[in-house]
């Protein structure tokens, strides 16, 4: 695959029905995690 090759994965932190939590081994494969958050009004 690639290069370059980047996986950008998303998950909703508030809905847990019908989800399979990511195991630690897979979370460890993500270099970093961020939250976008709601934008400012302007």
ModelCIF file with pLDDT and N, C-alpha, C, O atoms, coordinates in Angstrom:
data_MODEL
#
_entry.id   MODEL 
#
_entity.id                         1 
_entity.type                       polymer 
_entity.pdbx_number_of_molecules   1 
#
_entity_poly.entity_id                      1 
_entity_poly.type                           'polypeptide(L)' 
_entity_poly.nstd_linkage                   no 
_entity_poly.nstd_monomer                   no 
_entity_poly.pdbx_seq_one_letter_code       
;(UNK)(UNK)(UNK)(UNK)(UNK)(UNK)(UNK)(UNK)(UNK)(UNK)(UNK)(UNK)(UNK)(UNK)(UNK)(UNK)
(UNK)(UNK)(UNK)(UNK)(UNK)(UNK)(UNK)(UNK)(UNK)(UNK)(UNK)(UNK)(UNK)(UNK)(UNK)(UNK)
(UNK)(UNK)(UNK)(UNK)(UNK)(UNK)(UNK)(UNK)(UNK)(UNK)
;
_entity_poly.pdbx_seq_one_letter_code_can   XXXXXXXXXXXXXXXXXXXXXXXXXXXXXXXXXXXXXXXXXX 
_entity_poly.pdbx_strand_id                 A 
#
loop_
_entity_poly_seq.entity_id 
_entity_poly_seq.num 
_entity_poly_seq.mon_id 
_entity_poly_seq.hetero 
1 1  UNK n 
1 2  UNK n 
1 3  UNK n 
1 4  UNK n 
1 5  UNK n 
1 6  UNK n 
1 7  UNK n 
1 8  UNK n 
1 9  UNK n 
1 10 UNK n 
1 11 UNK n 
1 12 UNK n 
1 13 UNK n 
1 14 UNK n 
1 15 UNK n 
1 16 UNK n 
1 17 UNK n 
1 18 UNK n 
1 19 UNK n 
1 20 UNK n 
1 21 UNK n 
1 22 UNK n 
1 23 UNK n 
1 24 UNK n 
1 25 UNK n 
1 26 UNK n 
1 27 UNK n 
1 28 UNK n 
1 29 UNK n 
1 30 UNK n 
1 31 UNK n 
1 32 UNK n 
1 33 UNK n 
1 34 UNK n 
1 35 UNK n 
1 36 UNK n 
1 37 UNK n 
1 38 UNK n 
1 39 UNK n 
1 40 UNK n 
1 41 UNK n 
1 42 UNK n 
#
_struct_asym.id          A 
_struct_asym.entity_id   1 
#
loop_
_ma_qa_metric.id 
_ma_qa_metric.mode 
_ma_qa_metric.name 
_ma_qa_metric.software_group_id 
_ma_qa_metric.type 
1 global pLDDT . pLDDT 
2 local  pLDDT . pLDDT 
#
_ma_qa_metric_global.metric_id      1 
_ma_qa_metric_global.metric_value   82.55 
_ma_qa_metric_global.model_id       1 
_ma_qa_metric_global.ordinal_id     1 
#
loop_
_ma_qa_metric_local.label_asym_id 
_ma_qa_metric_local.label_comp_id 
_ma_qa_metric_local.label_seq_id 
_ma_qa_metric_local.metric_id 
_ma_qa_metric_local.metric_value 
_ma_qa_metric_local.model_id 
_ma_qa_metric_local.ordinal_id 
A UNK 1  2 90.00 1 1  
A UNK 2  2 78.00 1 2  
A UNK 3  2 89.00 1 3  
A UNK 4  2 93.00 1 4  
A UNK 5  2 94.00 1 5  
A UNK 6  2 94.00 1 6  
A UNK 7  2 94.00 1 7  
A UNK 8  2 94.00 1 8  
A UNK 9  2 92.00 1 9  
A UNK 10 2 90.00 1 10 
A UNK 11 2 85.00 1 11 
A UNK 12 2 76.00 1 12 
A UNK 13 2 71.00 1 13 
A UNK 14 2 66.00 1 14 
A UNK 15 2 62.00 1 15 
A UNK 16 2 59.00 1 16 
A UNK 17 2 60.00 1 17 
A UNK 18 2 59.00 1 18 
A UNK 19 2 68.00 1 19 
A UNK 20 2 72.00 1 20 
A UNK 21 2 74.00 1 21 
A UNK 22 2 78.00 1 22 
A UNK 23 2 76.00 1 23 
A UNK 24 2 79.00 1 24 
A UNK 25 2 77.00 1 25 
A UNK 26 2 81.00 1 26 
A UNK 27 2 87.00 1 27 
A UNK 28 2 88.00 1 28 
A UNK 29 2 90.00 1 29 
A UNK 30 2 93.00 1 30 
A UNK 31 2 95.00 1 31 
A UNK 32 2 93.00 1 32 
A UNK 33 2 93.00 1 33 
A UNK 34 2 90.00 1 34 
A UNK 35 2 88.00 1 35 
A UNK 36 2 86.00 1 36 
A UNK 37 2 82.00 1 37 
A UNK 38 2 86.00 1 38 
A UNK 39 2 83.00 1 39 
A UNK 40 2 85.00 1 40 
A UNK 41 2 89.00 1 41 
A UNK 42 2 88.00 1 42 
#
loop_
_atom_site.group_PDB 
_atom_site.id 
_atom_site.type_symbol 
_atom_site.label_atom_id 
_atom_site.label_alt_id 
_atom_site.label_comp_id 
_atom_site.label_asym_id 
_atom_site.label_entity_id 
_atom_site.label_seq_id 
_atom_site.pdbx_PDB_ins_code 
_atom_site.Cartn_x 
_atom_site.Cartn_y 
_atom_site.Cartn_z 
_atom_site.occupancy 
_atom_site.B_iso_or_equiv 
_atom_site.pdbx_formal_charge 
_atom_site.auth_seq_id 
_atom_site.auth_comp_id 
_atom_site.auth_asym_id 
_atom_site.auth_atom_id 
_atom_site.pdbx_PDB_model_num 
ATOM 1   N N  . UNK A 1 1  ? 0.842   -1.199 0.000  1.00 90.00 ? 1  UNK A N  1 
ATOM 2   C CA . UNK A 1 1  ? 0.000   0.000  0.000  1.00 90.00 ? 1  UNK A CA 1 
ATOM 3   C C  . UNK A 1 1  ? 0.878   1.249  0.000  1.00 90.00 ? 1  UNK A C  1 
ATOM 4   O O  . UNK A 1 1  ? 1.922   1.292  0.650  1.00 90.00 ? 1  UNK A O  1 
ATOM 5   N N  . UNK A 1 2  ? 0.431   2.265  -0.744 1.00 78.00 ? 2  UNK A N  1 
ATOM 6   C CA . UNK A 1 2  ? 1.171   3.525  -0.757 1.00 78.00 ? 2  UNK A CA 1 
ATOM 7   C C  . UNK A 1 2  ? 2.546   3.331  -1.368 1.00 78.00 ? 2  UNK A C  1 
ATOM 8   O O  . UNK A 1 2  ? 2.716   2.465  -2.226 1.00 78.00 ? 2  UNK A O  1 
ATOM 9   N N  . UNK A 1 3  ? 3.529   4.111  -0.952 1.00 89.00 ? 3  UNK A N  1 
ATOM 10  C CA . UNK A 1 3  ? 3.434   5.262  -0.056 1.00 89.00 ? 3  UNK A CA 1 
ATOM 11  C C  . UNK A 1 3  ? 3.074   6.543  -0.823 1.00 89.00 ? 3  UNK A C  1 
ATOM 12  O O  . UNK A 1 3  ? 3.154   6.560  -2.051 1.00 89.00 ? 3  UNK A O  1 
ATOM 13  N N  . UNK A 1 4  ? 2.680   7.614  -0.119 1.00 93.00 ? 4  UNK A N  1 
ATOM 14  C CA . UNK A 1 4  ? 2.374   7.631  1.315  1.00 93.00 ? 4  UNK A CA 1 
ATOM 15  C C  . UNK A 1 4  ? 1.037   6.941  1.600  1.00 93.00 ? 4  UNK A C  1 
ATOM 16  O O  . UNK A 1 4  ? 0.182   6.823  0.722  1.00 93.00 ? 4  UNK A O  1 
ATOM 17  N N  . UNK A 1 5  ? 0.880   6.493  2.838  1.00 94.00 ? 5  UNK A N  1 
ATOM 18  C CA . UNK A 1 5  ? -0.340  5.799  3.233  1.00 94.00 ? 5  UNK A CA 1 
ATOM 19  C C  . UNK A 1 5  ? -0.696  6.211  4.654  1.00 94.00 ? 5  UNK A C  1 
ATOM 20  O O  . UNK A 1 5  ? 0.092   6.018  5.580  1.00 94.00 ? 5  UNK A O  1 
ATOM 21  N N  . UNK A 1 6  ? -1.885  6.779  4.821  1.00 94.00 ? 6  UNK A N  1 
ATOM 22  C CA . UNK A 1 6  ? -2.335  7.244  6.130  1.00 94.00 ? 6  UNK A CA 1 
ATOM 23  C C  . UNK A 1 6  ? -3.784  6.827  6.340  1.00 94.00 ? 6  UNK A C  1 
ATOM 24  O O  . UNK A 1 6  ? -4.641  7.070  5.490  1.00 94.00 ? 6  UNK A O  1 
ATOM 25  N N  . UNK A 1 7  ? -4.046  6.200  7.476  1.00 94.00 ? 7  UNK A N  1 
ATOM 26  C CA . UNK A 1 7  ? -5.412  5.871  7.867  1.00 94.00 ? 7  UNK A CA 1 
ATOM 27  C C  . UNK A 1 7  ? -5.890  6.930  8.847  1.00 94.00 ? 7  UNK A C  1 
ATOM 28  O O  . UNK A 1 7  ? -5.263  7.162  9.880  1.00 94.00 ? 7  UNK A O  1 
ATOM 29  N N  . UNK A 1 8  ? -6.993  7.563  8.519  1.00 94.00 ? 8  UNK A N  1 
ATOM 30  C CA . UNK A 1 8  ? -7.631  8.532  9.396  1.00 94.00 ? 8  UNK A CA 1 
ATOM 31  C C  . UNK A 1 8  ? -8.945  7.890  9.850  1.00 94.00 ? 8  UNK A C  1 
ATOM 32  O O  . UNK A 1 8  ? -9.916  7.845  9.095  1.00 94.00 ? 8  UNK A O  1 
ATOM 33  N N  . UNK A 1 9  ? -8.963  7.399  11.085 1.00 92.00 ? 9  UNK A N  1 
ATOM 34  C CA . UNK A 1 9  ? -10.129 6.679  11.593 1.00 92.00 ? 9  UNK A CA 1 
ATOM 35  C C  . UNK A 1 9  ? -10.918 7.565  12.542 1.00 92.00 ? 9  UNK A C  1 
ATOM 36  O O  . UNK A 1 9  ? -10.350 8.386  13.262 1.00 92.00 ? 9  UNK A O  1 
ATOM 37  N N  . UNK A 1 10 ? -12.245 7.387  12.536 1.00 90.00 ? 10 UNK A N  1 
ATOM 38  C CA . UNK A 1 10 ? -13.093 8.157  13.433 1.00 90.00 ? 10 UNK A CA 1 
ATOM 39  C C  . UNK A 1 10 ? -13.939 7.208  14.275 1.00 90.00 ? 10 UNK A C  1 
ATOM 40  O O  . UNK A 1 10 ? -14.262 6.095  13.860 1.00 90.00 ? 10 UNK A O  1 
ATOM 41  N N  . UNK A 1 11 ? -14.282 7.675  15.452 1.00 85.00 ? 11 UNK A N  1 
ATOM 42  C CA . UNK A 1 11 ? -15.256 6.966  16.263 1.00 85.00 ? 11 UNK A CA 1 
ATOM 43  C C  . UNK A 1 11 ? -16.018 7.968  17.118 1.00 85.00 ? 11 UNK A C  1 
ATOM 44  O O  . UNK A 1 11 ? -15.464 8.961  17.589 1.00 85.00 ? 11 UNK A O  1 
ATOM 45  N N  . UNK A 1 12 ? -17.300 7.681  17.305 1.00 76.00 ? 12 UNK A N  1 
ATOM 46  C CA . UNK A 1 12 ? -18.171 8.534  18.104 1.00 76.00 ? 12 UNK A CA 1 
ATOM 47  C C  . UNK A 1 12 ? -17.997 8.158  19.574 1.00 76.00 ? 12 UNK A C  1 
ATOM 48  O O  . UNK A 1 12 ? -18.242 7.008  19.940 1.00 76.00 ? 12 UNK A O  1 
ATOM 49  N N  . UNK A 1 13 ? -17.581 9.095  20.425 1.00 71.00 ? 13 UNK A N  1 
ATOM 50  C CA . UNK A 1 13 ? -17.312 8.751  21.821 1.00 71.00 ? 13 UNK A CA 1 
ATOM 51  C C  . UNK A 1 13 ? -18.560 8.606  22.679 1.00 71.00 ? 13 UNK A C  1 
ATOM 52  O O  . UNK A 1 13 ? -18.455 8.255  23.854 1.00 71.00 ? 13 UNK A O  1 
ATOM 53  N N  . UNK A 1 14 ? -19.750 8.871  22.116 1.00 66.00 ? 14 UNK A N  1 
ATOM 54  C CA . UNK A 1 14 ? -20.953 8.883  22.944 1.00 66.00 ? 14 UNK A CA 1 
ATOM 55  C C  . UNK A 1 14 ? -21.938 7.767  22.612 1.00 66.00 ? 14 UNK A C  1 
ATOM 56  O O  . UNK A 1 14 ? -22.870 7.526  23.381 1.00 66.00 ? 14 UNK A O  1 
ATOM 57  N N  . UNK A 1 15 ? -21.753 7.078  21.481 1.00 62.00 ? 15 UNK A N  1 
ATOM 58  C CA . UNK A 1 15 ? -22.670 6.008  21.109 1.00 62.00 ? 15 UNK A CA 1 
ATOM 59  C C  . UNK A 1 15 ? -21.966 4.667  21.264 1.00 62.00 ? 15 UNK A C  1 
ATOM 60  O O  . UNK A 1 15 ? -20.924 4.432  20.653 1.00 62.00 ? 15 UNK A O  1 
ATOM 61  N N  . UNK A 1 16 ? -22.539 3.784  22.086 1.00 59.00 ? 16 UNK A N  1 
ATOM 62  C CA . UNK A 1 16 ? -21.908 2.504  22.349 1.00 59.00 ? 16 UNK A CA 1 
ATOM 63  C C  . UNK A 1 16 ? -22.757 1.326  21.902 1.00 59.00 ? 16 UNK A C  1 
ATOM 64  O O  . UNK A 1 16 ? -22.292 0.187  21.946 1.00 59.00 ? 16 UNK A O  1 
ATOM 65  N N  . UNK A 1 17 ? -24.012 1.574  21.464 1.00 60.00 ? 17 UNK A N  1 
ATOM 66  C CA . UNK A 1 17 ? -24.864 0.495  20.979 1.00 60.00 ? 17 UNK A CA 1 
ATOM 67  C C  . UNK A 1 17 ? -24.335 -0.027 19.645 1.00 60.00 ? 17 UNK A C  1 
ATOM 68  O O  . UNK A 1 17 ? -24.112 0.736  18.705 1.00 60.00 ? 17 UNK A O  1 
ATOM 69  N N  . UNK A 1 18 ? -24.138 -1.355 19.586 1.00 59.00 ? 18 UNK A N  1 
ATOM 70  C CA . UNK A 1 18 ? -23.688 -1.954 18.332 1.00 59.00 ? 18 UNK A CA 1 
ATOM 71  C C  . UNK A 1 18 ? -22.258 -1.628 17.958 1.00 59.00 ? 18 UNK A C  1 
ATOM 72  O O  . UNK A 1 18 ? -21.916 -1.630 16.776 1.00 59.00 ? 18 UNK A O  1 
ATOM 73  N N  . UNK A 1 19 ? -21.414 -1.346 18.942 1.00 68.00 ? 19 UNK A N  1 
ATOM 74  C CA . UNK A 1 19 ? -20.014 -1.034 18.663 1.00 68.00 ? 19 UNK A CA 1 
ATOM 75  C C  . UNK A 1 19 ? -19.102 -2.116 19.223 1.00 68.00 ? 19 UNK A C  1 
ATOM 76  O O  . UNK A 1 19 ? -19.469 -2.856 20.135 1.00 68.00 ? 19 UNK A O  1 
ATOM 77  N N  . UNK A 1 20 ? -17.904 -2.186 18.655 1.00 72.00 ? 20 UNK A N  1 
ATOM 78  C CA . UNK A 1 20 ? -16.876 -3.114 19.104 1.00 72.00 ? 20 UNK A CA 1 
ATOM 79  C C  . UNK A 1 20 ? -15.661 -2.271 19.493 1.00 72.00 ? 20 UNK A C  1 
ATOM 80  O O  . UNK A 1 20 ? -14.907 -1.849 18.616 1.00 72.00 ? 20 UNK A O  1 
ATOM 81  N N  . UNK A 1 21 ? -15.457 -2.017 20.777 1.00 74.00 ? 21 UNK A N  1 
ATOM 82  C CA . UNK A 1 21 ? -14.355 -1.145 21.192 1.00 74.00 ? 21 UNK A CA 1 
ATOM 83  C C  . UNK A 1 21 ? -13.023 -1.621 20.622 1.00 74.00 ? 21 UNK A C  1 
ATOM 84  O O  . UNK A 1 21 ? -12.741 -2.819 20.597 1.00 74.00 ? 21 UNK A O  1 
ATOM 85  N N  . UNK A 1 22 ? -12.210 -0.676 20.167 1.00 78.00 ? 22 UNK A N  1 
ATOM 86  C CA . UNK A 1 22 ? -10.915 -1.037 19.601 1.00 78.00 ? 22 UNK A CA 1 
ATOM 87  C C  . UNK A 1 22 ? -10.021 -1.638 20.681 1.00 78.00 ? 22 UNK A C  1 
ATOM 88  O O  . UNK A 1 22 ? -9.902  -1.071 21.767 1.00 78.00 ? 22 UNK A O  1 
ATOM 89  N N  . UNK A 1 23 ? -9.392  -2.776 20.400 1.00 76.00 ? 23 UNK A N  1 
ATOM 90  C CA . UNK A 1 23 ? -8.472  -3.356 21.390 1.00 76.00 ? 23 UNK A CA 1 
ATOM 91  C C  . UNK A 1 23 ? -7.225  -2.498 21.531 1.00 76.00 ? 23 UNK A C  1 
ATOM 92  O O  . UNK A 1 23 ? -6.899  -1.693 20.658 1.00 76.00 ? 23 UNK A O  1 
ATOM 93  N N  . UNK A 1 24 ? -6.539  -2.686 22.645 1.00 79.00 ? 24 UNK A N  1 
ATOM 94  C CA . UNK A 1 24 ? -5.340  -1.888 22.917 1.00 79.00 ? 24 UNK A CA 1 
ATOM 95  C C  . UNK A 1 24 ? -4.298  -2.049 21.809 1.00 79.00 ? 24 UNK A C  1 
ATOM 96  O O  . UNK A 1 24 ? -3.599  -1.094 21.473 1.00 79.00 ? 24 UNK A O  1 
ATOM 97  N N  . UNK A 1 25 ? -4.191  -3.254 21.241 1.00 77.00 ? 25 UNK A N  1 
ATOM 98  C CA . UNK A 1 25 ? -3.192  -3.485 20.189 1.00 77.00 ? 25 UNK A CA 1 
ATOM 99  C C  . UNK A 1 25 ? -3.454  -2.622 18.965 1.00 77.00 ? 25 UNK A C  1 
ATOM 100 O O  . UNK A 1 25 ? -2.515  -2.200 18.290 1.00 77.00 ? 25 UNK A O  1 
ATOM 101 N N  . UNK A 1 26 ? -4.730  -2.355 18.673 1.00 81.00 ? 26 UNK A N  1 
ATOM 102 C CA . UNK A 1 26 ? -5.035  -1.513 17.512 1.00 81.00 ? 26 UNK A CA 1 
ATOM 103 C C  . UNK A 1 26 ? -4.938  -0.035 17.856 1.00 81.00 ? 26 UNK A C  1 
ATOM 104 O O  . UNK A 1 26 ? -4.480  0.759  17.035 1.00 81.00 ? 26 UNK A O  1 
ATOM 105 N N  . UNK A 1 27 ? -5.357  0.341  19.042 1.00 87.00 ? 27 UNK A N  1 
ATOM 106 C CA . UNK A 1 27 ? -5.190  1.734  19.460 1.00 87.00 ? 27 UNK A CA 1 
ATOM 107 C C  . UNK A 1 27 ? -3.720  2.133  19.438 1.00 87.00 ? 27 UNK A C  1 
ATOM 108 O O  . UNK A 1 27 ? -3.374  3.272  19.125 1.00 87.00 ? 27 UNK A O  1 
ATOM 109 N N  . UNK A 1 28 ? -2.856  1.165  19.778 1.00 88.00 ? 28 UNK A N  1 
ATOM 110 C CA . UNK A 1 28 ? -1.424  1.434  19.823 1.00 88.00 ? 28 UNK A CA 1 
ATOM 111 C C  . UNK A 1 28 ? -0.848  1.686  18.440 1.00 88.00 ? 28 UNK A C  1 
ATOM 112 O O  . UNK A 1 28 ? 0.263   2.201  18.318 1.00 88.00 ? 28 UNK A O  1 
ATOM 113 N N  . UNK A 1 29 ? -1.594  1.325  17.388 1.00 90.00 ? 29 UNK A N  1 
ATOM 114 C CA . UNK A 1 29 ? -1.112  1.541  16.022 1.00 90.00 ? 29 UNK A CA 1 
ATOM 115 C C  . UNK A 1 29 ? -1.364  2.963  15.536 1.00 90.00 ? 29 UNK A C  1 
ATOM 116 O O  . UNK A 1 29 ? -0.809  3.380  14.520 1.00 90.00 ? 29 UNK A O  1 
ATOM 117 N N  . UNK A 1 30 ? -2.195  3.704  16.254 1.00 93.00 ? 30 UNK A N  1 
ATOM 118 C CA . UNK A 1 30 ? -2.448  5.094  15.861 1.00 93.00 ? 30 UNK A CA 1 
ATOM 119 C C  . UNK A 1 30 ? -1.385  5.989  16.480 1.00 93.00 ? 30 UNK A C  1 
ATOM 120 O O  . UNK A 1 30 ? -1.178  5.980  17.694 1.00 93.00 ? 30 UNK A O  1 
ATOM 121 N N  . UNK A 1 31 ? -0.724  6.751  15.642 1.00 95.00 ? 31 UNK A N  1 
ATOM 122 C CA . UNK A 1 31 ? 0.344   7.622  16.133 1.00 95.00 ? 31 UNK A CA 1 
ATOM 123 C C  . UNK A 1 31 ? -0.191  8.603  17.162 1.00 95.00 ? 31 UNK A C  1 
ATOM 124 O O  . UNK A 1 31 ? 0.425   8.815  18.207 1.00 95.00 ? 31 UNK A O  1 
ATOM 125 N N  . UNK A 1 32 ? -1.341  9.203  16.866 1.00 93.00 ? 32 UNK A N  1 
ATOM 126 C CA . UNK A 1 32 ? -1.917  10.160 17.804 1.00 93.00 ? 32 UNK A CA 1 
ATOM 127 C C  . UNK A 1 32 ? -3.429  10.234 17.640 1.00 93.00 ? 32 UNK A C  1 
ATOM 128 O O  . UNK A 1 32 ? -3.992  9.801  16.634 1.00 93.00 ? 32 UNK A O  1 
ATOM 129 N N  . UNK A 1 33 ? -4.056  10.789 18.646 1.00 93.00 ? 33 UNK A N  1 
ATOM 130 C CA . UNK A 1 33 ? -5.501  10.982 18.637 1.00 93.00 ? 33 UNK A CA 1 
ATOM 131 C C  . UNK A 1 33 ? -5.791  12.460 18.865 1.00 93.00 ? 33 UNK A C  1 
ATOM 132 O O  . UNK A 1 33 ? -5.088  13.144 19.609 1.00 93.00 ? 33 UNK A O  1 
ATOM 133 N N  . UNK A 1 34 ? -6.840  12.930 18.210 1.00 90.00 ? 34 UNK A N  1 
ATOM 134 C CA . UNK A 1 34 ? -7.242  14.314 18.425 1.00 90.00 ? 34 UNK A CA 1 
ATOM 135 C C  . UNK A 1 34 ? -8.749  14.411 18.427 1.00 90.00 ? 34 UNK A C  1 
ATOM 136 O O  . UNK A 1 34 ? -9.451  13.493 18.004 1.00 90.00 ? 34 UNK A O  1 
ATOM 137 N N  . UNK A 1 35 ? -9.232  15.533 18.908 1.00 88.00 ? 35 UNK A N  1 
ATOM 138 C CA . UNK A 1 35 ? -10.656 15.869 18.859 1.00 88.00 ? 35 UNK A CA 1 
ATOM 139 C C  . UNK A 1 35 ? -10.781 17.205 18.142 1.00 88.00 ? 35 UNK A C  1 
ATOM 140 O O  . UNK A 1 35 ? -10.102 18.171 18.490 1.00 88.00 ? 35 UNK A O  1 
ATOM 141 N N  . UNK A 1 36 ? -11.645 17.256 17.148 1.00 86.00 ? 36 UNK A N  1 
ATOM 142 C CA . UNK A 1 36 ? -11.828 18.506 16.411 1.00 86.00 ? 36 UNK A CA 1 
ATOM 143 C C  . UNK A 1 36 ? -12.602 19.522 17.233 1.00 86.00 ? 36 UNK A C  1 
ATOM 144 O O  . UNK A 1 36 ? -12.221 20.691 17.291 1.00 86.00 ? 36 UNK A O  1 
ATOM 145 N N  . UNK A 1 37 ? -13.684 19.092 17.867 1.00 82.00 ? 37 UNK A N  1 
ATOM 146 C CA . UNK A 1 37 ? -14.505 20.013 18.647 1.00 82.00 ? 37 UNK A CA 1 
ATOM 147 C C  . UNK A 1 37 ? -15.344 20.913 17.754 1.00 82.00 ? 37 UNK A C  1 
ATOM 148 O O  . UNK A 1 37 ? -15.090 21.031 16.555 1.00 82.00 ? 37 UNK A O  1 
ATOM 149 N N  . UNK A 1 38 ? -16.334 21.539 18.346 1.00 86.00 ? 38 UNK A N  1 
ATOM 150 C CA . UNK A 1 38 ? -17.178 22.459 17.592 1.00 86.00 ? 38 UNK A CA 1 
ATOM 151 C C  . UNK A 1 38 ? -16.395 23.726 17.251 1.00 86.00 ? 38 UNK A C  1 
ATOM 152 O O  . UNK A 1 38 ? -15.603 24.196 18.067 1.00 86.00 ? 38 UNK A O  1 
ATOM 153 N N  . UNK A 1 39 ? -16.601 24.280 16.068 1.00 83.00 ? 39 UNK A N  1 
ATOM 154 C CA . UNK A 1 39 ? -15.897 25.513 15.704 1.00 83.00 ? 39 UNK A CA 1 
ATOM 155 C C  . UNK A 1 39 ? -16.431 26.710 16.477 1.00 83.00 ? 39 UNK A C  1 
ATOM 156 O O  . UNK A 1 39 ? -17.556 26.694 16.975 1.00 83.00 ? 39 UNK A O  1 
ATOM 157 N N  . UNK A 1 40 ? -15.606 27.744 16.566 1.00 85.00 ? 40 UNK A N  1 
ATOM 158 C CA . UNK A 1 40 ? -16.066 28.994 17.158 1.00 85.00 ? 40 UNK A CA 1 
ATOM 159 C C  . UNK A 1 40 ? -17.168 29.592 16.289 1.00 85.00 ? 40 UNK A C  1 
ATOM 160 O O  . UNK A 1 40 ? -17.283 29.258 15.110 1.00 85.00 ? 40 UNK A O  1 
ATOM 161 N N  . UNK A 1 41 ? -17.971 30.468 16.865 1.00 89.00 ? 41 UNK A N  1 
ATOM 162 C CA . UNK A 1 41 ? -19.127 31.014 16.146 1.00 89.00 ? 41 UNK A CA 1 
ATOM 163 C C  . UNK A 1 41 ? -18.713 31.727 14.856 1.00 89.00 ? 41 UNK A C  1 
ATOM 164 O O  . UNK A 1 41 ? -19.358 31.567 13.820 1.00 89.00 ? 41 UNK A O  1 
ATOM 165 N N  . UNK A 1 42 ? -17.629 32.519 14.924 1.00 88.00 ? 42 UNK A N  1 
ATOM 166 C CA . UNK A 1 42 ? -17.189 33.238 13.730 1.00 88.00 ? 42 UNK A CA 1 
ATOM 167 C C  . UNK A 1 42 ? -16.781 32.265 12.626 1.00 88.00 ? 42 UNK A C  1 
ATOM 168 O O  . UNK A 1 42 ? -16.381 32.693 11.543 1.00 88.00 ? 42 UNK A O  1 
#
